[in-house]
PDB file of N, CA and C in Angstrom:
ATOM      1  N   MET A   1       0.908  -1.309   0.016  1.00  0.00           N
ATOM      2  CA  MET A   1      -0.155   0.200   0.071  1.00  0.00           C
ATOM      3  C   MET A   1       0.951   1.108   0.022  1.00  0.00           C
ATOM      4  N   ALA A   2       0.548   2.184  -0.859  1.00  0.00           N
ATOM      5  CA  ALA A   2       1.211   3.577  -0.705  1.00  0.00           C
ATOM      6  C   ALA A   2       0.148   4.599  -0.826  1.00  0.00           C
ATOM      7  N   ILE A   3       0.543   6.049  -0.690  1.00  0.00           N
ATOM      8  CA  ILE A   3      -0.390   7.104  -0.765  1.00  0.00           C
ATOM      9  C   ILE A   3       0.252   7.605  -2.208  1.00  0.00           C
ATOM     10  N   PHE A   4      -0.843   8.211  -2.735  1.00  0.00           N
ATOM     11  CA  PHE A   4      -0.631   8.859  -4.121  1.00  0.00           C
ATOM     12  C   PHE A   4      -1.456  10.272  -4.131  1.00  0.00           C
ATOM     13  N   SER A   5      -0.788  11.197  -4.912  1.00  0.00           N
ATOM     14  CA  SER A   5      -1.197  12.387  -5.167  1.00  0.00           C
ATOM     15  C   SER A   5      -1.829  12.357  -6.593  1.00  0.00           C
ATOM     16  N   VAL A   6      -3.233  12.347  -6.877  1.00  0.00           N
ATOM     17  CA  VAL A   6      -3.650  12.610  -7.959  1.00  0.00           C
ATOM     18  C   VAL A   6      -4.230  14.013  -8.406  1.00  0.00           C
ATOM     19  N   ASN A   7      -3.517  14.534  -9.435  1.00  0.00           N
ATOM     20  CA  ASN A   7      -3.596  15.923  -9.546  1.00  0.00           C
ATOM     21  C   ASN A   7      -4.283  16.104 -11.183  1.00  0.00           C
ATOM     22  N   TYR A   8      -4.992  16.956 -11.395  1.00  0.00           N
ATOM     23  CA  TYR A   8      -5.740  16.898 -12.809  1.00  0.00           C
ATOM     24  C   TYR A   8      -6.186  18.188 -13.233  1.00  0.00           C
ATOM     25  N   ASP A   9      -6.562  18.704 -14.489  1.00  0.00           N
ATOM     26  CA  ASP A   9      -7.078  19.728 -15.154  1.00  0.00           C
ATOM     27  C   ASP A   9      -8.120  19.206 -15.822  1.00  0.00           C
ATOM     28  N   LEU A  10      -9.412  19.187 -15.800  1.00  0.00           N
ATOM     29  CA  LEU A  10     -10.169  19.095 -16.396  1.00  0.00           C
ATOM     30  C   LEU A  10     -11.075  20.265 -16.908  1.00  0.00           C
ATOM     31  N   ARG A  11     -10.726  20.367 -18.392  1.00  0.00           N
ATOM     32  CA  ARG A  11     -10.891  21.432 -19.044  1.00  0.00           C
ATOM     33  C   ARG A  11     -12.087  21.695 -19.822  1.00  0.00           C
ATOM     34  N   LEU A  12     -12.709  20.564 -20.113  1.00  0.00           N
ATOM     35  CA  LEU A  12     -14.036  20.604 -20.829  1.00  0.00           C
ATOM     36  C   LEU A  12     -15.077  20.678 -20.093  1.00  0.00           C
ATOM     37  N   PRO A  13     -16.329  21.570 -20.552  1.00  0.00           N
ATOM     38  CA  PRO A  13     -17.519  21.510 -19.755  1.00  0.00           C
ATOM     39  C   PRO A  13     -18.350  19.999 -20.245  1.00  0.00           C
ATOM     40  N   GLN A  14     -18.143  19.141 -19.449  1.00  0.00           N
ATOM     41  CA  GLN A  14     -18.687  17.899 -19.561  1.00  0.00           C
ATOM     42  C   GLN A  14     -18.980  17.305 -17.885  1.00  0.00           C
ATOM     43  N   GLU A  15     -19.806  16.343 -17.992  1.00  0.00           N
ATOM     44  CA  GLU A  15     -19.864  15.564 -16.698  1.00  0.00           C
ATOM     45  C   GLU A  15     -18.879  14.708 -16.264  1.00  0.00           C
ATOM     46  N   TYR A  16     -18.261  14.835 -15.142  1.00  0.00           N
ATOM     47  CA  TYR A  16     -16.844  14.188 -14.720  1.00  0.00           C
ATOM     48  C   TYR A  16     -17.242  13.154 -13.548  1.00  0.00           C
ATOM     49  N   ASN A  17     -18.830  12.609 -13.574  1.00  0.00           N
ATOM     50  CA  ASN A  17     -19.225  11.678 -12.665  1.00  0.00           C
ATOM     51  C   ASN A  17     -18.622  10.604 -12.282  1.00  0.00           C
ATOM     52  N   GLU A  18     -18.238   9.909 -13.362  1.00  0.00           N
ATOM     53  CA  GLU A  18     -17.518   8.523 -13.388  1.00  0.00           C
ATOM     54  C   GLU A  18     -16.009   8.758 -12.750  1.00  0.00           C
ATOM     55  N   PHE A  19     -15.378   9.905 -13.406  1.00  0.00           N
ATOM     56  CA  PHE A  19     -14.045  10.080 -13.003  1.00  0.00           C
ATOM     57  C   PHE A  19     -14.043  10.282 -11.448  1.00  0.00           C
ATOM     58  N   TYR A  20     -14.814  10.720 -10.810  1.00  0.00           N
ATOM     59  CA  TYR A  20     -14.986  11.034  -9.326  1.00  0.00           C
ATOM     60  C   TYR A  20     -15.301  10.032  -8.747  1.00  0.00           C
ATOM     61  N   ASP A  21     -16.336   9.065  -9.281  1.00  0.00           N
ATOM     62  CA  ASP A  21     -16.709   7.664  -8.761  1.00  0.00           C
ATOM     63  C   ASP A  21     -15.228   6.820  -8.720  1.00  0.00           C
ATOM     64  N   ALA A  22     -14.571   7.082  -9.897  1.00  0.00           N
ATOM     65  CA  ALA A  22     -13.554   6.077  -9.794  1.00  0.00           C
ATOM     66  C   ALA A  22     -12.470   6.573  -8.478  1.00  0.00           C
ATOM     67  N   LEU A  23     -12.270   8.012  -8.491  1.00  0.00           N
ATOM     68  CA  LEU A  23     -11.095   8.194  -7.542  1.00  0.00           C
ATOM     69  C   LEU A  23     -12.045   8.047  -6.025  1.00  0.00           C
ATOM     70  N   GLU A  24     -13.178   8.067  -5.886  1.00  0.00           N
ATOM     71  CA  GLU A  24     -13.767   7.535  -4.489  1.00  0.00           C
ATOM     72  C   GLU A  24     -13.597   6.201  -4.115  1.00  0.00           C
ATOM     73  N   ALA A  25     -13.379   5.451  -5.349  1.00  0.00           N
ATOM     74  CA  ALA A  25     -13.413   4.004  -4.986  1.00  0.00           C
ATOM     75  C   ALA A  25     -11.975   3.656  -4.037  1.00  0.00           C
ATOM     76  N   TYR A  26     -11.129   4.747  -4.033  1.00  0.00           N
ATOM     77  CA  TYR A  26      -9.921   4.354  -3.301  1.00  0.00           C
ATOM     78  C   TYR A  26      -9.817   5.051  -1.753  1.00  0.00           C
ATOM     79  N   PRO A  27      -9.389   4.375  -0.932  1.00  0.00           N
ATOM     80  CA  PRO A  27      -9.515   5.212   0.427  1.00  0.00           C
ATOM     81  C   PRO A  27      -8.780   6.726   0.083  1.00  0.00           C
ATOM     82  N   HIS A  28      -9.413   7.751   0.383  1.00  0.00           N
ATOM     83  CA  HIS A  28      -9.043   9.034  -0.184  1.00  0.00           C
ATOM     84  C   HIS A  28      -9.334  10.091   0.566  1.00  0.00           C
ATOM     85  N   ILE A  29      -8.761  11.280   0.561  1.00  0.00           N
ATOM     86  CA  ILE A  29      -9.119  12.520   0.861  1.00  0.00           C
ATOM     87  C   ILE A  29      -8.936  13.711  -0.130  1.00  0.00           C
ATOM     88  N   HIS A  30      -9.816  14.557  -0.236  1.00  0.00           N
ATOM     89  CA  HIS A  30     -10.071  15.499  -1.476  1.00  0.00           C
ATOM     90  C   HIS A  30      -9.271  16.568  -0.902  1.00  0.00           C
ATOM     91  N   ALA A  31      -7.784  16.825  -1.168  1.00  0.00           N
ATOM     92  CA  ALA A  31      -6.962  17.691  -0.597  1.00  0.00           C
ATOM     93  C   ALA A  31      -7.192  19.179  -0.978  1.00  0.00           C
ATOM     94  N   MET A  32      -7.385  19.498  -2.061  1.00  0.00           N
ATOM     95  CA  MET A  32      -7.492  20.911  -2.755  1.00  0.00           C
ATOM     96  C   MET A  32      -8.385  20.616  -4.057  1.00  0.00           C
ATOM     97  N   ASP A  33      -8.661  21.867  -4.726  1.00  0.00           N
ATOM     98  CA  ASP A  33      -9.809  21.596  -5.766  1.00  0.00           C
ATOM     99  C   ASP A  33      -9.402  20.616  -6.702  1.00  0.00           C
ATOM    100  N   SER A  34      -8.121  20.050  -7.368  1.00  0.00           N
ATOM    101  CA  SER A  34      -7.571  19.508  -8.395  1.00  0.00           C
ATOM    102  C   SER A  34      -6.891  18.411  -7.778  1.00  0.00           C
ATOM    103  N   CYS A  35      -6.980  18.093  -6.461  1.00  0.00           N
ATOM    104  CA  CYS A  35      -5.806  17.343  -5.838  1.00  0.00           C
ATOM    105  C   CYS A  35      -6.605  16.271  -4.938  1.00  0.00           C
ATOM    106  N   TRP A  36      -6.290  15.075  -5.032  1.00  0.00           N
ATOM    107  CA  TRP A  36      -6.867  13.978  -4.138  1.00  0.00           C
ATOM    108  C   TRP A  36      -5.643  13.428  -3.730  1.00  0.00           C
ATOM    109  N   LEU A  37      -5.693  12.741  -2.475  1.00  0.00           N
ATOM    110  CA  LEU A  37      -4.946  11.843  -1.882  1.00  0.00           C
ATOM    111  C   LEU A  37      -5.607  10.401  -1.777  1.00  0.00           C
ATOM    112  N   ILE A  38      -4.775   9.305  -2.335  1.00  0.00           N
ATOM    113  CA  ILE A  38      -5.567   8.167  -2.188  1.00  0.00           C
ATOM    114  C   ILE A  38      -4.674   7.118  -1.879  1.00  0.00           C
ATOM    115  N   GLU A  39      -5.126   6.128  -1.309  1.00  0.00           N
ATOM    116  CA  GLU A  39      -4.179   4.763  -1.051  1.00  0.00           C
ATOM    117  C   GLU A  39      -4.437   3.830  -1.810  1.00  0.00           C
ATOM    118  N   ALA A  40      -3.481   3.119  -2.362  1.00  0.00           N
ATOM    119  CA  ALA A  40      -3.632   1.954  -3.343  1.00  0.00           C
ATOM    120  C   ALA A  40      -2.330   1.106  -3.059  1.00  0.00           C
ATOM    121  N   ASP A  41      -2.505  -0.193  -3.404  1.00  0.00           N
ATOM    122  CA  ASP A  41      -1.651  -1.203  -3.405  1.00  0.00           C
ATOM    123  C   ASP A  41      -0.975  -1.331  -5.191  1.00  0.00           C
ATOM    124  N   VAL A  42      -1.119  -0.496  -6.094  1.00  0.00           N
ATOM    125  CA  VAL A  42      -0.480  -0.328  -7.388  1.00  0.00           C
ATOM    126  C   VAL A  42       0.454   0.572  -7.640  1.00  0.00           C
ATOM    127  N   GLU A  43       0.913   0.615  -8.913  1.00  0.00           N
ATOM    128  CA  GLU A  43       1.804   1.660  -9.042  1.00  0.00           C
ATOM    129  C   GLU A  43       1.023   2.931  -9.673  1.00  0.00           C
ATOM    130  N   ALA A  44       1.563   4.134  -9.810  1.00  0.00           N
ATOM    131  CA  ALA A  44       1.318   5.277 -10.334  1.00  0.00           C
ATOM    132  C   ALA A  44       0.346   5.017 -11.655  1.00  0.00           C
ATOM    133  N   ALA A  45       1.027   4.522 -12.451  1.00  0.00           N
ATOM    134  CA  ALA A  45       0.503   4.545 -13.698  1.00  0.00           C
ATOM    135  C   ALA A  45      -0.631   3.493 -13.934  1.00  0.00           C
ATOM    136  N   ALA A  46      -0.699   2.580 -12.999  1.00  0.00           N
ATOM    137  CA  ALA A  46      -2.147   1.805 -12.813  1.00  0.00           C
ATOM    138  C   ALA A  46      -3.098   2.594 -12.737  1.00  0.00           C
ATOM    139  N   ILE A  47      -2.953   3.909 -11.261  1.00  0.00           N
ATOM    140  CA  ILE A  47      -4.132   4.790 -11.282  1.00  0.00           C
ATOM    141  C   ILE A  47      -4.061   5.236 -12.460  1.00  0.00           C
ATOM    142  N   ARG A  48      -3.234   5.756 -12.954  1.00  0.00           N
ATOM    143  CA  ARG A  48      -3.339   6.761 -14.008  1.00  0.00           C
ATOM    144  C   ARG A  48      -4.606   6.157 -15.064  1.00  0.00           C
ATOM    145  N   ASP A  49      -3.964   4.850 -15.471  1.00  0.00           N
ATOM    146  CA  ASP A  49      -4.644   4.013 -16.453  1.00  0.00           C
ATOM    147  C   ASP A  49      -6.429   3.693 -16.336  1.00  0.00           C
ATOM    148  N   ALA A  50      -6.455   3.648 -14.838  1.00  0.00           N
ATOM    149  CA  ALA A  50      -7.886   3.436 -14.386  1.00  0.00           C
ATOM    150  C   ALA A  50      -8.697   4.689 -14.362  1.00  0.00           C
ATOM    151  N   LEU A  51      -8.082   5.984 -14.333  1.00  0.00           N
ATOM    152  CA  LEU A  51      -8.654   7.404 -14.497  1.00  0.00           C
ATOM    153  C   LEU A  51      -8.911   7.698 -16.005  1.00  0.00           C
ATOM    154  N   VAL A  52      -7.888   7.469 -16.785  1.00  0.00           N
ATOM    155  CA  VAL A  52      -7.856   8.071 -18.089  1.00  0.00           C
ATOM    156  C   VAL A  52      -9.228   7.853 -18.649  1.00  0.00           C
ATOM    157  N   PRO A  53      -9.785   6.773 -18.877  1.00  0.00           N
ATOM    158  CA  PRO A  53     -11.086   6.543 -19.564  1.00  0.00           C
ATOM    159  C   PRO A  53     -12.152   7.558 -19.210  1.00  0.00           C
ATOM    160  N   TYR A  54     -12.131   8.130 -18.027  1.00  0.00           N
ATOM    161  CA  TYR A  54     -13.171   9.013 -17.623  1.00  0.00           C
ATOM    162  C   TYR A  54     -12.821  10.438 -17.879  1.00  0.00           C
ATOM    163  N   ILE A  55     -11.574  10.849 -18.601  1.00  0.00           N
ATOM    164  CA  ILE A  55     -11.288  12.122 -18.813  1.00  0.00           C
ATOM    165  C   ILE A  55     -11.705  12.487 -20.144  1.00  0.00           C
ATOM    166  N   ALA A  56     -11.569  13.807 -20.711  1.00  0.00           N
ATOM    167  CA  ALA A  56     -11.577  13.884 -22.128  1.00  0.00           C
ATOM    168  C   ALA A  56     -10.412  14.329 -22.783  1.00  0.00           C
ATOM    169  N   PRO A  57      -9.967  14.383 -24.285  1.00  0.00           N
ATOM    170  CA  PRO A  57      -9.014  14.751 -24.998  1.00  0.00           C
ATOM    171  C   PRO A  57      -8.744  16.472 -24.432  1.00  0.00           C
ATOM    172  N   GLY A  58      -7.689  16.641 -24.017  1.00  0.00           N
ATOM    173  CA  GLY A  58      -7.576  18.058 -23.580  1.00  0.00           C
ATOM    174  C   GLY A  58      -7.392  17.878 -22.218  1.00  0.00           C
ATOM    175  N   ASP A  59      -7.847  16.947 -21.400  1.00  0.00           N
ATOM    176  CA  ASP A  59      -7.882  16.871 -20.179  1.00  0.00           C
ATOM    177  C   ASP A  59      -6.397  16.572 -19.483  1.00  0.00           C
ATOM    178  N   ALA A  60      -5.975  16.954 -18.386  1.00  0.00           N
ATOM    179  CA  ALA A  60      -4.695  16.177 -17.987  1.00  0.00           C
ATOM    180  C   ALA A  60      -4.854  15.572 -16.475  1.00  0.00           C
ATOM    181  N   ILE A  61      -3.975  14.713 -16.219  1.00  0.00           N
ATOM    182  CA  ILE A  61      -3.835  13.912 -15.326  1.00  0.00           C
ATOM    183  C   ILE A  61      -2.680  13.637 -14.567  1.00  0.00           C
ATOM    184  N   PHE A  62      -2.014  13.795 -13.238  1.00  0.00           N
ATOM    185  CA  PHE A  62      -0.519  13.576 -12.999  1.00  0.00           C
ATOM    186  C   PHE A  62      -0.856  12.883 -11.746  1.00  0.00           C
ATOM    187  N   VAL A  63      -0.229  11.466 -11.662  1.00  0.00           N
ATOM    188  CA  VAL A  63      -0.079  10.757 -10.256  1.00  0.00           C
ATOM    189  C   VAL A  63       1.312  10.624  -9.809  1.00  0.00           C
ATOM    190  N   ASN A  64       1.421  10.697  -8.439  1.00  0.00           N
ATOM    191  CA  ASN A  64       2.661  10.305  -8.093  1.00  0.00           C
ATOM    192  C   ASN A  64       2.675   9.674  -6.614  1.00  0.00           C
ATOM    193  N   ARG A  65       3.615   9.237  -6.234  1.00  0.00           N
ATOM    194  CA  ARG A  65       3.630   8.712  -4.682  1.00  0.00           C
ATOM    195  C   ARG A  65       4.066   9.677  -3.867  1.00  0.00           C
ATOM    196  N   VAL A  66       3.520   9.871  -2.888  1.00  0.00           N
ATOM    197  CA  VAL A  66       3.738  10.723  -1.623  1.00  0.00           C
ATOM    198  C   VAL A  66       4.610  10.174  -0.524  1.00  0.00           C
ATOM    199  N   SER A  67       5.659  10.829  -0.164  1.00  0.00           N
ATOM    200  CA  SER A  67       6.476  10.323   0.704  1.00  0.00           C
ATOM    201  C   SER A  67       6.101  10.787   2.043  1.00  0.00           C
ATOM    202  N   ASP A  68       6.985  10.367   3.154  1.00  0.00           N
ATOM    203  CA  ASP A  68       6.417  11.025   4.610  1.00  0.00           C
ATOM    204  C   ASP A  68       7.013  12.310   4.738  1.00  0.00           C
ATOM    205  N   ASP A  69       8.047  12.949   3.500  1.00  0.00           N
ATOM    206  CA  ASP A  69       8.471  14.222   3.633  1.00  0.00           C
ATOM    207  C   ASP A  69       7.525  15.270   3.140  1.00  0.00           C
ATOM    208  N   TRP A  70       6.586  15.832   3.737  1.00  0.00           N
ATOM    209  CA  TRP A  70       5.758  16.598   2.937  1.00  0.00           C
ATOM    210  C   TRP A  70       5.325  17.884   3.706  1.00  0.00           C
ATOM    211  N   ALA A  71       4.615  18.784   3.093  1.00  0.00           N
ATOM    212  CA  ALA A  71       4.466  20.014   3.884  1.00  0.00           C
ATOM    213  C   ALA A  71       3.280  20.514   3.009  1.00  0.00           C
ATOM    214  N   GLY A  72       2.214  21.240   3.900  1.00  0.00           N
ATOM    215  CA  GLY A  72       1.229  22.006   3.129  1.00  0.00           C
ATOM    216  C   GLY A  72       0.848  23.074   4.263  1.00  0.00           C
ATOM    217  N   ALA A  73       0.022  24.161   3.482  1.00  0.00           N
ATOM    218  CA  ALA A  73      -0.626  25.054   4.284  1.00  0.00           C
ATOM    219  C   ALA A  73      -2.316  25.450   3.643  1.00  0.00           C
ATOM    220  N   GLY A  74      -3.079  25.418   4.465  1.00  0.00           N
ATOM    221  CA  GLY A  74      -4.456  25.864   4.046  1.00  0.00           C
ATOM    222  C   GLY A  74      -5.025  24.549   3.506  1.00  0.00           C
ATOM    223  N   THR A  75      -4.487  23.256   3.589  1.00  0.00           N
ATOM    224  CA  THR A  75      -5.304  22.118   3.132  1.00  0.00           C
ATOM    225  C   THR A  75      -6.032  21.397   4.369  1.00  0.00           C
ATOM    226  N   GLN A  76      -6.849  20.414   4.109  1.00  0.00           N
ATOM    227  CA  GLN A  76      -7.369  19.830   4.697  1.00  0.00           C
ATOM    228  C   GLN A  76      -7.143  18.095   4.969  1.00  0.00           C
ATOM    229  N   CYS A  77      -5.986  17.878   4.495  1.00  0.00           N
ATOM    230  CA  CYS A  77      -5.548  16.686   4.383  1.00  0.00           C
ATOM    231  C   CYS A  77      -4.399  16.385   5.512  1.00  0.00           C
ATOM    232  N   GLY A  78      -3.878  17.163   6.209  1.00  0.00           N
ATOM    233  CA  GLY A  78      -2.870  17.116   7.019  1.00  0.00           C
ATOM    234  C   GLY A  78      -2.850  15.805   8.008  1.00  0.00           C
ATOM    235  N   GLN A  79      -3.927  15.774   8.688  1.00  0.00           N
ATOM    236  CA  GLN A  79      -4.317  14.366   9.495  1.00  0.00           C
ATOM    237  C   GLN A  79      -4.497  13.471   9.161  1.00  0.00           C
ATOM    238  N   TRP A  80      -5.218  13.371   8.079  1.00  0.00           N
ATOM    239  CA  TRP A  80      -5.350  12.217   7.224  1.00  0.00           C
ATOM    240  C   TRP A  80      -4.043  11.505   6.627  1.00  0.00           C
ATOM    241  N   LEU A  81      -3.046  12.641   6.232  1.00  0.00           N
ATOM    242  CA  LEU A  81      -1.853  12.107   5.448  1.00  0.00           C
ATOM    243  C   LEU A  81      -0.919  11.565   6.782  1.00  0.00           C
ATOM    244  N   ASP A  82      -0.926  12.452   7.819  1.00  0.00           N
ATOM    245  CA  ASP A  82      -0.090  12.048   8.738  1.00  0.00           C
ATOM    246  C   ASP A  82      -0.296  10.454   9.477  1.00  0.00           C
ATOM    247  N   GLN A  83      -1.610  10.345   9.486  1.00  0.00           N
ATOM    248  CA  GLN A  83      -1.883   8.928  10.139  1.00  0.00           C
ATOM    249  C   GLN A  83      -1.307   7.791   9.306  1.00  0.00           C
ATOM    250  N   ARG A  84      -1.322   8.195   8.014  1.00  0.00           N
ATOM    251  CA  ARG A  84      -0.966   7.165   6.835  1.00  0.00           C
ATOM    252  C   ARG A  84       0.342   7.113   6.507  1.00  0.00           C
ATOM    253  N   ALA A  85       0.926   8.187   6.317  1.00  0.00           N
ATOM    254  CA  ALA A  85       2.393   8.433   5.542  1.00  0.00           C
ATOM    255  C   ALA A  85       3.292   7.577   6.580  1.00  0.00           C
ATOM    256  N   GLN A  86       3.409   7.623   7.763  1.00  0.00           N
ATOM    257  CA  GLN A  86       4.147   7.091   8.923  1.00  0.00           C
ATOM    258  C   GLN A  86       4.269   5.423   8.280  1.00  0.00           C
ATOM    259  N   LYS A  87       3.118   4.979   7.966  1.00  0.00           N
ATOM    260  CA  LYS A  87       3.141   3.290   7.967  1.00  0.00           C
ATOM    261  C   LYS A  87       4.032   3.075   6.542  1.00  0.00           C
ATOM    262  N   TYR A  88       3.901   3.792   5.637  1.00  0.00           N
ATOM    263  CA  TYR A  88       4.423   3.722   4.430  1.00  0.00           C
ATOM    264  C   TYR A  88       5.833   4.231   3.950  1.00  0.00           C
ATOM    265  N   ALA A  89       6.646   4.787   5.194  1.00  0.00           N
ATOM    266  CA  ALA A  89       7.770   5.257   5.030  1.00  0.00           C
ATOM    267  C   ALA A  89       9.016   4.379   4.889  1.00  0.00           C
TER     268      ALA A  89
END
């Protein structure tokens, strides 16, 4: 298991319900407008591949593994991340 940051730019005016449903299928917290933190036992590419079918051409998605060396301000994810990051360090 690891923690991943999923960041995206959804540029087209369309429904993205399936995209958000796919994100919510993972243990997660919505950190900022276009940034979610999720727990998964796969690699970043597999998460990307699971989400790409739900975005449109011209949209962008970036997935990366989060380490225990992180910093933030004004987010709502600090406690969630603290509880999990130490497990995977």
